[in-house]
Amino acid sequence: MKRIILRTDGASRGNPGNSAIAFVIEGIGEENIEFGKKIGDTTNNQAEYQALVAGLERIYQETPRDSEIIVYSDSEFMVKQINGEYKVKNALIRPVYEMAKSLISDIEKNGNIISFEAIRRENNKRADELCNMALDGEL
């Protein structure tokens, strides 16, 4: 079984404030797929979810089959919501949460196994760098 790693990060300066998203995908091609962009004013949690959705959309576009996909995020709150440990009560988060869950279902229909893990920021270094570069206008 092929292993694909998705590392996501969202950031907001001000919370809510100027925000950006980023992701890194390892294991689809020979080179990592890296992405980062500004998304306007949002909260940190909204940015984290938008980064997750963007990364899942890219994985879905690549159409992996029968792969183990591990998603790493430094947002423990988001990971616990996705894993069903916390309820999604925020009306602004609910639509993007539903998008993420729909993408997860679509990815799993191709025989993939997908799991989510919360990690420390220092273990999510490249996604964090891309997010900050986007916020700083360097991407």
C-alpha atoms as a PDB file:
ATOM      1  CA  MET A   1       0.000   0.000   0.000  1.00  0.00           C
ATOM      2  CA  LYS A   2       1.390   3.373  -1.042  1.00  0.00           C
ATOM      3  CA  ARG A   3       1.753   6.019   1.691  1.00  0.00           C
ATOM      4  CA  ILE A   4       0.813   9.650   1.047  1.00  0.00           C
ATOM      5  CA  ILE A   5       1.394  12.384   3.626  1.00  0.00           C
ATOM      6  CA  LEU A   6      -0.600  15.636   3.656  1.00  0.00           C
ATOM      7  CA  ARG A   7       0.655  18.387   5.962  1.00  0.00           C
ATOM      8  CA  THR A   8      -1.660  21.391   6.300  1.00  0.00           C
ATOM      9  CA  ASP A   9      -1.475  24.757   8.008  1.00  0.00           C
ATOM     10  CA  GLY A  10      -3.662  27.818   8.242  1.00  0.00           C
ATOM     11  CA  ALA A  11      -2.742  31.084   9.917  1.00  0.00           C
ATOM     12  CA  SER A  12      -4.441  34.317  10.842  1.00  0.00           C
ATOM     13  CA  ARG A  13      -2.655  37.447  11.946  1.00  0.00           C
ATOM     14  CA  GLY A  14      -5.137  39.112  14.231  1.00  0.00           C
ATOM     15  CA  ASN A  15      -7.650  36.259  14.592  1.00  0.00           C
ATOM     16  CA  PRO A  16      -9.696  37.319  12.758  1.00  0.00           C
ATOM     17  CA  GLY A  17      -7.285  39.014  10.441  1.00  0.00           C
ATOM     18  CA  ASN A  18      -5.122  38.623   7.371  1.00  0.00           C
ATOM     19  CA  SER A  19      -4.961  34.881   6.730  1.00  0.00           C
ATOM     20  CA  ALA A  20      -3.218  32.294   4.585  1.00  0.00           C
ATOM     21  CA  ILE A  21      -3.312  28.574   3.928  1.00  0.00           C
ATOM     22  CA  ALA A  22      -0.652  26.067   2.946  1.00  0.00           C
ATOM     23  CA  PHE A  23      -0.129  22.378   2.393  1.00  0.00           C
ATOM     24  CA  VAL A  24       2.607  19.929   1.448  1.00  0.00           C
ATOM     25  CA  ILE A  25       1.859  16.543  -0.111  1.00  0.00           C
ATOM     26  CA  GLU A  26       4.528  13.843   0.013  1.00  0.00           C
ATOM     27  CA  GLY A  27       4.394  10.529  -1.808  1.00  0.00           C
ATOM     28  CA  ILE A  28       2.329  11.240  -4.926  1.00  0.00           C
ATOM     29  CA  GLY A  29       5.167  12.046  -7.298  1.00  0.00           C
ATOM     30  CA  GLU A  30       8.925  12.251  -7.133  1.00  0.00           C
ATOM     31  CA  GLU A  31       8.709  15.832  -5.870  1.00  0.00           C
ATOM     32  CA  ASN A  32       6.600  17.122  -3.004  1.00  0.00           C
ATOM     33  CA  ILE A  33       3.580  19.183  -3.995  1.00  0.00           C
ATOM     34  CA  GLU A  34       3.686  22.525  -2.164  1.00  0.00           C
ATOM     35  CA  PHE A  35       1.016  25.207  -2.067  1.00  0.00           C
ATOM     36  CA  GLY A  36       0.422  28.443  -0.182  1.00  0.00           C
ATOM     37  CA  LYS A  37      -1.783  31.491  -0.698  1.00  0.00           C
ATOM     38  CA  LYS A  38      -3.468  34.399   1.070  1.00  0.00           C
ATOM     39  CA  ILE A  39      -7.195  33.970   1.667  1.00  0.00           C
ATOM     40  CA  GLY A  40      -8.235  37.350   3.086  1.00  0.00           C
ATOM     41  CA  ASP A  41      -9.569  38.004   6.580  1.00  0.00           C
ATOM     42  CA  THR A  42     -10.682  34.935   8.542  1.00  0.00           C
ATOM     43  CA  THR A  43     -10.165  33.340  11.916  1.00  0.00           C
ATOM     44  CA  ASN A  44      -7.334  30.903  12.535  1.00  0.00           C
ATOM     45  CA  ASN A  45      -9.778  27.966  12.700  1.00  0.00           C
ATOM     46  CA  GLN A  46     -11.350  28.944   9.375  1.00  0.00           C
ATOM     47  CA  ALA A  47      -7.879  29.132   7.807  1.00  0.00           C
ATOM     48  CA  GLU A  48      -6.942  25.706   9.208  1.00  0.00           C
ATOM     49  CA  TYR A  49     -10.059  24.160   7.649  1.00  0.00           C
ATOM     50  CA  GLN A  50      -9.552  25.929   4.328  1.00  0.00           C
ATOM     51  CA  ALA A  51      -5.988  24.577   4.200  1.00  0.00           C
ATOM     52  CA  LEU A  52      -7.293  21.073   4.869  1.00  0.00           C
ATOM     53  CA  VAL A  53      -9.931  21.342   2.135  1.00  0.00           C
ATOM     54  CA  ALA A  54      -7.373  22.679  -0.371  1.00  0.00           C
ATOM     55  CA  GLY A  55      -5.003  19.791   0.383  1.00  0.00           C
ATOM     56  CA  LEU A  56      -7.756  17.174   0.199  1.00  0.00           C
ATOM     57  CA  GLU A  57      -8.974  18.645  -3.111  1.00  0.00           C
ATOM     58  CA  ARG A  58      -5.471  18.316  -4.552  1.00  0.00           C
ATOM     59  CA  ILE A  59      -5.180  14.719  -3.376  1.00  0.00           C
ATOM     60  CA  TYR A  60      -8.591  13.949  -4.870  1.00  0.00           C
ATOM     61  CA  GLN A  61      -7.469  15.466  -8.212  1.00  0.00           C
ATOM     62  CA  GLU A  62      -4.426  13.174  -8.222  1.00  0.00           C
ATOM     63  CA  THR A  63      -6.808  10.166  -7.879  1.00  0.00           C
ATOM     64  CA  PRO A  64      -4.710   7.870  -5.704  1.00  0.00           C
ATOM     65  CA  ARG A  65      -6.027   4.344  -5.267  1.00  0.00           C
ATOM     66  CA  ASP A  66      -5.472   1.852  -2.471  1.00  0.00           C
ATOM     67  CA  SER A  67      -3.184   4.224  -0.570  1.00  0.00           C
ATOM     68  CA  GLU A  68      -2.688   5.039   3.074  1.00  0.00           C
ATOM     69  CA  ILE A  69      -3.147   8.803   3.444  1.00  0.00           C
ATOM     70  CA  ILE A  70      -2.037  10.436   6.674  1.00  0.00           C
ATOM     71  CA  VAL A  71      -3.034  14.038   7.309  1.00  0.00           C
ATOM     72  CA  TYR A  72      -0.921  15.986   9.783  1.00  0.00           C
ATOM     73  CA  SER A  73      -2.028  19.335  11.203  1.00  0.00           C
ATOM     74  CA  ASP A  74      -0.904  21.446  14.130  1.00  0.00           C
ATOM     75  CA  SER A  75      -4.574  22.284  14.776  1.00  0.00           C
ATOM     76  CA  GLU A  76      -5.517  19.765  17.452  1.00  0.00           C
ATOM     77  CA  PHE A  77      -9.001  21.332  17.583  1.00  0.00           C
ATOM     78  CA  MET A  78      -9.634  20.673  13.876  1.00  0.00           C
ATOM     79  CA  VAL A  79      -8.233  17.139  14.031  1.00  0.00           C
ATOM     80  CA  LYS A  80     -10.461  16.304  16.996  1.00  0.00           C
ATOM     81  CA  GLN A  81     -13.489  17.654  15.115  1.00  0.00           C
ATOM     82  CA  ILE A  82     -12.656  15.666  11.975  1.00  0.00           C
ATOM     83  CA  ASN A  83     -12.108  12.535  14.080  1.00  0.00           C
ATOM     84  CA  GLY A  84     -15.493  13.042  15.781  1.00  0.00           C
ATOM     85  CA  GLU A  85     -14.085  13.739  19.258  1.00  0.00           C
ATOM     86  CA  TYR A  86     -15.438  17.326  19.280  1.00  0.00           C
ATOM     87  CA  LYS A  87     -18.697  18.614  17.811  1.00  0.00           C
ATOM     88  CA  VAL A  88     -18.685  21.399  15.215  1.00  0.00           C
ATOM     89  CA  LYS A  89     -20.807  24.159  16.748  1.00  0.00           C
ATOM     90  CA  ASN A  90     -19.482  27.220  14.904  1.00  0.00           C
ATOM     91  CA  ALA A  91     -21.746  28.218  11.982  1.00  0.00           C
ATOM     92  CA  LEU A  92     -18.771  29.619  10.029  1.00  0.00           C
ATOM     93  CA  ILE A  93     -16.827  26.366  10.360  1.00  0.00           C
ATOM     94  CA  ARG A  94     -19.706  23.972   9.599  1.00  0.00           C
ATOM     95  CA  PRO A  95     -19.747  24.454   5.751  1.00  0.00           C
ATOM     96  CA  VAL A  96     -16.008  23.947   5.333  1.00  0.00           C
ATOM     97  CA  TYR A  97     -16.108  21.013   7.786  1.00  0.00           C
ATOM     98  CA  GLU A  98     -18.828  19.430   5.629  1.00  0.00           C
ATOM     99  CA  MET A  99     -16.687  20.011   2.509  1.00  0.00           C
ATOM    100  CA  ALA A 100     -13.757  18.270   4.194  1.00  0.00           C
ATOM    101  CA  LYS A 101     -15.913  15.300   5.252  1.00  0.00           C
ATOM    102  CA  SER A 102     -17.313  14.978   1.719  1.00  0.00           C
ATOM    103  CA  LEU A 103     -13.808  14.990   0.209  1.00  0.00           C
ATOM    104  CA  ILE A 104     -12.660  12.396   2.744  1.00  0.00           C
ATOM    105  CA  SER A 105     -15.559  10.158   1.715  1.00  0.00           C
ATOM    106  CA  ASP A 106     -14.768  10.621  -1.983  1.00  0.00           C
ATOM    107  CA  ILE A 107     -11.082   9.823  -1.427  1.00  0.00           C
ATOM    108  CA  GLU A 108     -11.967   6.703   0.571  1.00  0.00           C
ATOM    109  CA  LYS A 109     -14.224   5.447  -2.260  1.00  0.00           C
ATOM    110  CA  ASN A 110     -11.033   4.772  -4.247  1.00  0.00           C
ATOM    111  CA  GLY A 111      -9.896   2.204  -1.670  1.00  0.00           C
ATOM    112  CA  ASN A 112      -7.802   4.672   0.288  1.00  0.00           C
ATOM    113  CA  ILE A 113      -7.473   4.702   4.060  1.00  0.00           C
ATOM    114  CA  ILE A 114      -7.233   8.204   5.491  1.00  0.00           C
ATOM    115  CA  SER A 115      -6.291   9.185   9.041  1.00  0.00           C
ATOM    116  CA  PHE A 116      -5.707  12.453  10.867  1.00  0.00           C
ATOM    117  CA  GLU A 117      -3.074  13.280  13.450  1.00  0.00           C
ATOM    118  CA  ALA A 118      -2.403  16.430  15.440  1.00  0.00           C
ATOM    119  CA  ILE A 119       1.285  17.310  15.573  1.00  0.00           C
ATOM    120  CA  ARG A 120       3.343  20.078  17.109  1.00  0.00           C
ATOM    121  CA  ARG A 121       4.077  23.145  14.968  1.00  0.00           C
ATOM    122  CA  GLU A 122       7.795  22.338  14.851  1.00  0.00           C
ATOM    123  CA  ASN A 123       6.904  19.011  13.207  1.00  0.00           C
ATOM    124  CA  ASN A 124       4.895  20.832  10.543  1.00  0.00           C
ATOM    125  CA  LYS A 125       7.722  23.146   9.557  1.00  0.00           C
ATOM    126  CA  ARG A 126       7.402  23.387   5.761  1.00  0.00           C
ATOM    127  CA  ALA A 127       3.626  23.965   5.743  1.00  0.00           C
ATOM    128  CA  ASP A 128       4.110  26.617   8.441  1.00  0.00           C
ATOM    129  CA  GLU A 129       6.878  28.280   6.364  1.00  0.00           C
ATOM    130  CA  LEU A 130       4.683  28.328   3.250  1.00  0.00           C
ATOM    131  CA  CYS A 131       1.825  29.853   5.236  1.00  0.00           C
ATOM    132  CA  ASN A 132       4.057  32.626   6.580  1.00  0.00           C
ATOM    133  CA  MET A 133       5.553  33.234   3.133  1.00  0.00           C
ATOM    134  CA  ALA A 134       2.028  33.665   1.735  1.00  0.00           C
ATOM    135  CA  LEU A 135       1.131  36.083   4.544  1.00  0.00           C
ATOM    136  CA  ASP A 136       4.313  38.045   3.858  1.00  0.00           C
ATOM    137  CA  GLY A 137       3.556  38.254   0.122  1.00  0.00           C
ATOM    138  CA  GLU A 138       6.490  36.029  -0.838  1.00  0.00           C
ATOM    139  CA  LEU A 139       4.395  33.512  -2.815  1.00  0.00           C
END
